[in-house]
Amino acid sequence: MLEWGGESIPYLFVSRMRIPAVITIDGPAGAGKSTLGALLAEYLGYLYFDTGVMYRALTLVVLRAGLDLAAEEALETLAAQVHILVVPPTVADGRHYTVLVDDEDVTWAIRDPEIERNVSQVARYPGVRRELIRQQRAIAQGGRVVMVGRDIGTIVMPDAELKLFLETSLDERARRRTDERHSTGTTLPLPVVRADLARRDNLDQHVLYPASDAVILHTDGMTPADELAWVIDYLQRR
């Protein structure tokens, strides 16, 4: 049995399935990509790679340096200089990976609300994306990886054999994100969370679309266990 959020999830028979070497999961902020990605990776014994943490880590460095978020050239230069590494968990504190910036563990620091408010601005610059996409592709070349982000199936790994795209309503995403913050001791009113997600949707709209061969999963009303079961069933049937 796989334990997840206090829920026991039985293992399904997967050893006879031909599992793609790279599985991508895309969708808007708060759709549950990270939760499903981490759960699916653990289930399959794959590396879980939330590509968004690289943009969050860079945003943390930008804010610490006091750089103007509108200084595109400066941010692109910084992206090429900073060393961001994503590795399996190094501390047993509930994390699914460890994020290092120049050897500093920033795994929890990048979850600060200020990072979330500014990450889309940092990530929208072409030079920033080119550099981080280069690093993401290098990690994916090792195979056996579940990659999560906004444009993984369309831009980063367009040749991935299985691409998932999560569609979740804004209200559902706001509710989930509010509950998540309550569970970590960070309280924000639901309308504030909803407005922030809507703002991020607007900033991310240039990448918020599924690949032409993506499998669409509508997740309103589904639990992470439901979503995992759906994906495993799809793998068995494909």
Protein backbone atom coordinates (compact mmCIF):
# COMPACT_ATOMS: atom_id res chain seq x y z
CA MET A 1 0.00 0.00 0.00
CA LEU A 2 1.15 3.53 -0.81
CA GLU A 3 0.46 6.10 1.90
CA TRP A 4 -0.46 9.58 0.70
CA GLY A 5 -1.99 12.34 2.82
CA GLY A 6 -3.29 9.83 5.32
CA GLU A 7 -4.88 7.75 2.56
CA SER A 8 -3.79 4.22 1.71
CA ILE A 9 -3.62 3.59 -2.03
CA PRO A 10 -3.32 -0.03 -3.18
CA TYR A 11 -0.69 -0.82 -5.78
CA LEU A 12 -2.05 -1.86 -9.14
CA PHE A 13 -0.27 -4.38 -11.33
CA VAL A 14 2.05 -2.31 -13.50
CA SER A 15 5.06 -4.55 -14.14
CA ARG A 16 3.75 -5.79 -17.50
CA MET A 17 2.94 -2.31 -18.77
CA ARG A 18 5.27 -0.54 -21.17
CA ILE A 19 5.72 2.71 -19.27
CA PRO A 20 7.00 5.74 -21.19
CA ALA A 21 10.51 6.86 -20.24
CA VAL A 22 9.31 10.45 -19.85
CA ILE A 23 5.84 11.47 -18.66
CA THR A 24 4.91 15.15 -18.72
CA ILE A 25 2.16 16.84 -16.70
CA ASP A 26 1.05 20.38 -17.55
CA GLY A 27 -1.76 22.67 -16.45
CA PRO A 28 -2.54 25.94 -14.69
CA ALA A 29 -1.38 26.95 -11.21
CA GLY A 30 -3.18 25.06 -8.46
CA ALA A 31 -4.44 22.28 -10.74
CA GLY A 32 -2.66 19.62 -8.70
CA LYS A 33 0.19 18.92 -11.12
CA SER A 34 2.78 18.68 -8.36
CA THR A 35 0.67 16.36 -6.23
CA LEU A 36 -0.14 14.00 -9.08
CA GLY A 37 3.40 14.17 -10.42
CA ALA A 38 4.98 13.29 -7.09
CA LEU A 39 2.47 10.50 -6.47
CA LEU A 40 2.84 9.01 -9.95
CA ALA A 41 6.65 9.17 -9.77
CA GLU A 42 6.69 7.41 -6.41
CA TYR A 43 4.24 4.83 -7.67
CA LEU A 44 6.32 4.03 -10.75
CA GLY A 45 9.72 4.44 -9.09
CA TYR A 46 10.52 7.41 -11.33
CA LEU A 47 12.30 10.68 -10.63
CA TYR A 48 9.83 13.45 -9.77
CA PHE A 49 10.90 16.70 -11.42
CA ASP A 50 8.72 19.74 -10.81
CA THR A 51 10.34 22.11 -13.32
CA GLY A 52 8.58 25.08 -11.73
CA VAL A 53 10.92 24.90 -8.75
CA MET A 54 13.75 26.09 -10.98
CA TYR A 55 11.83 29.26 -11.81
CA ARG A 56 10.91 29.70 -8.15
CA ALA A 57 14.54 29.29 -7.12
CA LEU A 58 15.64 31.88 -9.67
CA THR A 59 12.89 34.24 -8.46
CA LEU A 60 14.20 33.86 -4.91
CA VAL A 61 17.69 34.85 -6.07
CA VAL A 62 16.28 37.80 -8.03
CA LEU A 63 14.32 39.13 -5.05
CA ARG A 64 17.22 38.65 -2.66
CA ALA A 65 19.44 40.61 -5.03
CA GLY A 66 16.89 43.41 -5.20
CA LEU A 67 16.79 43.29 -8.99
CA ASP A 68 14.05 45.05 -10.90
CA LEU A 69 11.65 42.40 -12.22
CA ALA A 70 11.34 44.45 -15.39
CA ALA A 71 15.11 44.30 -16.02
CA GLU A 72 14.89 41.54 -18.61
CA GLU A 73 18.55 41.51 -19.61
CA ALA A 74 19.77 41.39 -16.00
CA LEU A 75 17.44 38.49 -15.20
CA GLU A 76 18.52 36.57 -18.27
CA THR A 77 22.18 37.06 -17.33
CA LEU A 78 21.49 35.85 -13.79
CA ALA A 79 19.69 32.75 -15.09
CA ALA A 80 22.84 31.75 -16.96
CA GLN A 81 25.01 32.27 -13.87
CA VAL A 82 23.06 30.73 -11.00
CA HIS A 83 23.47 27.00 -10.34
CA ILE A 84 20.13 25.33 -9.54
CA LEU A 85 20.05 21.64 -8.71
CA VAL A 86 17.04 19.41 -8.01
CA VAL A 87 17.83 16.13 -6.24
CA PRO A 88 15.94 13.43 -4.32
CA PRO A 89 14.91 14.40 -0.76
CA THR A 90 17.86 15.00 1.55
CA VAL A 91 15.73 15.65 4.65
CA ALA A 92 12.78 13.62 5.90
CA ASP A 93 10.45 16.58 6.45
CA GLY A 94 7.70 15.82 3.96
CA ARG A 95 9.49 17.18 0.89
CA HIS A 96 9.46 15.28 -2.42
CA TYR A 97 12.78 16.68 -3.60
CA THR A 98 15.52 19.03 -2.45
CA VAL A 99 16.22 22.26 -4.32
CA LEU A 100 19.73 23.65 -4.06
CA VAL A 101 20.88 27.08 -5.19
CA ASP A 102 24.67 27.26 -5.10
CA ASP A 103 24.58 24.47 -2.48
CA GLU A 104 21.99 26.28 -0.28
CA ASP A 105 18.86 24.28 0.50
CA VAL A 106 15.95 26.52 -0.55
CA THR A 107 13.29 23.81 -0.79
CA TRP A 108 10.86 25.53 1.59
CA ALA A 109 12.03 29.10 1.03
CA ILE A 110 10.76 29.02 -2.56
CA ARG A 111 7.23 28.29 -1.31
CA ASP A 112 6.94 31.77 0.21
CA PRO A 113 3.85 33.66 -1.09
CA GLU A 114 6.09 36.47 -2.35
CA ILE A 115 7.87 33.99 -4.61
CA GLU A 116 4.54 32.74 -5.92
CA ARG A 117 3.37 36.28 -6.70
CA ASN A 118 6.47 37.07 -8.76
CA VAL A 119 7.55 33.82 -10.40
CA SER A 120 5.40 34.26 -13.52
CA GLN A 121 7.03 37.63 -14.20
CA VAL A 122 10.52 36.13 -13.99
CA ALA A 123 9.57 33.07 -16.05
CA ARG A 124 8.08 35.00 -18.97
CA TYR A 125 11.43 36.25 -20.33
CA PRO A 126 12.66 34.21 -23.33
CA GLY A 127 16.30 34.21 -22.23
CA VAL A 128 15.37 32.94 -18.77
CA ARG A 129 13.26 30.17 -20.22
CA ARG A 130 15.89 29.14 -22.76
CA GLU A 131 18.51 28.65 -20.05
CA LEU A 132 16.29 26.74 -17.64
CA ILE A 133 14.77 24.64 -20.43
CA ARG A 134 18.30 23.61 -21.42
CA GLN A 135 18.90 22.37 -17.88
CA GLN A 136 15.52 20.63 -17.74
CA ARG A 137 16.15 18.71 -20.95
CA ALA A 138 19.50 17.55 -19.65
CA ILE A 139 17.80 16.01 -16.62
CA ALA A 140 15.10 14.35 -18.75
CA GLN A 141 17.68 12.63 -20.94
CA GLY A 142 18.25 10.15 -18.13
CA GLY A 143 14.72 8.81 -18.59
CA ARG A 144 12.38 7.35 -15.95
CA VAL A 145 11.14 10.81 -15.03
CA VAL A 146 7.81 12.51 -14.42
CA MET A 147 8.19 16.16 -15.42
CA VAL A 148 5.70 18.76 -14.22
CA GLY A 149 5.25 22.34 -15.37
CA ARG A 150 3.39 24.71 -17.71
CA ASP A 151 4.90 23.93 -21.11
CA ILE A 152 6.67 20.60 -20.69
CA GLY A 153 4.66 18.74 -23.29
CA THR A 154 4.61 21.61 -25.77
CA ILE A 155 8.07 23.19 -25.47
CA VAL A 156 10.46 21.39 -23.12
CA MET A 157 9.79 17.76 -24.11
CA PRO A 158 7.58 17.80 -27.22
CA ASP A 159 8.69 14.26 -28.11
CA ALA A 160 7.62 12.75 -24.76
CA GLU A 161 5.58 9.62 -25.33
CA LEU A 162 2.92 10.45 -22.73
CA LYS A 163 1.75 14.00 -22.09
CA LEU A 164 -0.96 14.77 -19.54
CA PHE A 165 -2.75 18.10 -19.22
CA LEU A 166 -4.85 18.84 -16.12
CA GLU A 167 -7.92 21.00 -16.50
CA THR A 168 -9.36 22.31 -13.23
CA SER A 169 -11.77 25.19 -12.63
CA LEU A 170 -10.48 28.38 -11.02
CA ASP A 171 -12.81 27.96 -8.02
CA GLU A 172 -11.63 24.41 -7.40
CA ARG A 173 -7.99 25.43 -7.67
CA ALA A 174 -8.50 28.33 -5.26
CA ARG A 175 -10.16 26.04 -2.73
CA ARG A 176 -7.36 23.49 -2.95
CA ARG A 177 -4.65 26.11 -2.65
CA THR A 178 -6.36 27.70 0.38
CA ASP A 179 -6.64 24.30 2.09
CA GLU A 180 -2.99 23.61 1.31
CA ARG A 181 -1.91 26.88 2.91
CA HIS A 182 -4.00 26.20 6.01
CA SER A 183 -2.29 22.82 6.40
CA THR A 184 1.14 24.49 6.37
CA GLY A 185 0.16 27.26 8.79
CA THR A 186 -0.06 30.00 6.14
CA THR A 187 -3.48 31.62 6.06
CA LEU A 188 -4.81 33.66 3.15
CA PRO A 189 -8.50 34.43 2.46
CA LEU A 190 -10.05 32.42 -0.36
CA PRO A 191 -10.85 35.52 -2.48
CA VAL A 192 -7.20 36.62 -2.27
CA VAL A 193 -5.97 33.19 -3.36
CA ARG A 194 -8.51 33.10 -6.19
CA ALA A 195 -7.51 36.55 -7.44
CA ASP A 196 -3.83 35.61 -7.38
CA LEU A 197 -4.46 32.43 -9.36
CA ALA A 198 -6.51 34.38 -11.92
CA ARG A 199 -3.66 36.87 -12.25
CA ARG A 200 -1.18 34.06 -12.80
CA ASP A 201 -3.47 32.46 -15.38
CA ASN A 202 -3.40 35.74 -17.28
CA LEU A 203 0.41 35.95 -17.10
CA ASP A 204 0.82 32.31 -18.10
CA GLN A 205 -1.73 32.24 -20.91
CA HIS A 206 1.03 32.20 -23.55
CA VAL A 207 2.00 28.68 -22.39
CA LEU A 208 -1.28 27.42 -20.90
CA TYR A 209 -2.46 25.11 -23.64
CA PRO A 210 -2.18 21.35 -24.10
CA ALA A 211 0.00 19.71 -26.72
CA SER A 212 -1.93 18.42 -29.72
CA ASP A 213 -1.35 14.83 -28.58
CA ALA A 214 -1.86 15.45 -24.85
CA VAL A 215 -4.30 13.41 -22.77
CA ILE A 216 -6.72 15.78 -21.00
CA LEU A 217 -7.70 14.98 -17.42
CA HIS A 218 -10.54 17.02 -15.88
CA THR A 219 -9.85 16.92 -12.15
CA ASP A 220 -12.71 18.83 -10.49
CA GLY A 221 -14.08 16.62 -7.72
CA MET A 222 -11.21 14.14 -7.95
CA THR A 223 -8.80 13.28 -5.15
CA PRO A 224 -5.11 12.63 -5.84
CA ALA A 225 -5.85 8.90 -5.43
CA ASP A 226 -8.60 9.18 -8.07
CA GLU A 227 -6.22 10.93 -10.46
CA LEU A 228 -3.49 8.34 -9.94
CA ALA A 229 -5.94 5.49 -10.54
CA TRP A 230 -7.11 7.21 -13.74
CA VAL A 231 -3.55 7.53 -15.06
CA ILE A 232 -2.64 3.93 -14.18
CA ASP A 233 -5.82 2.71 -15.86
CA TYR A 234 -4.91 4.73 -18.94
CA LEU A 235 -1.43 3.19 -18.98
CA GLN A 236 -2.94 -0.27 -18.76
CA ARG A 237 -5.33 0.41 -21.66
CA ARG A 238 -3.02 2.26 -24.04
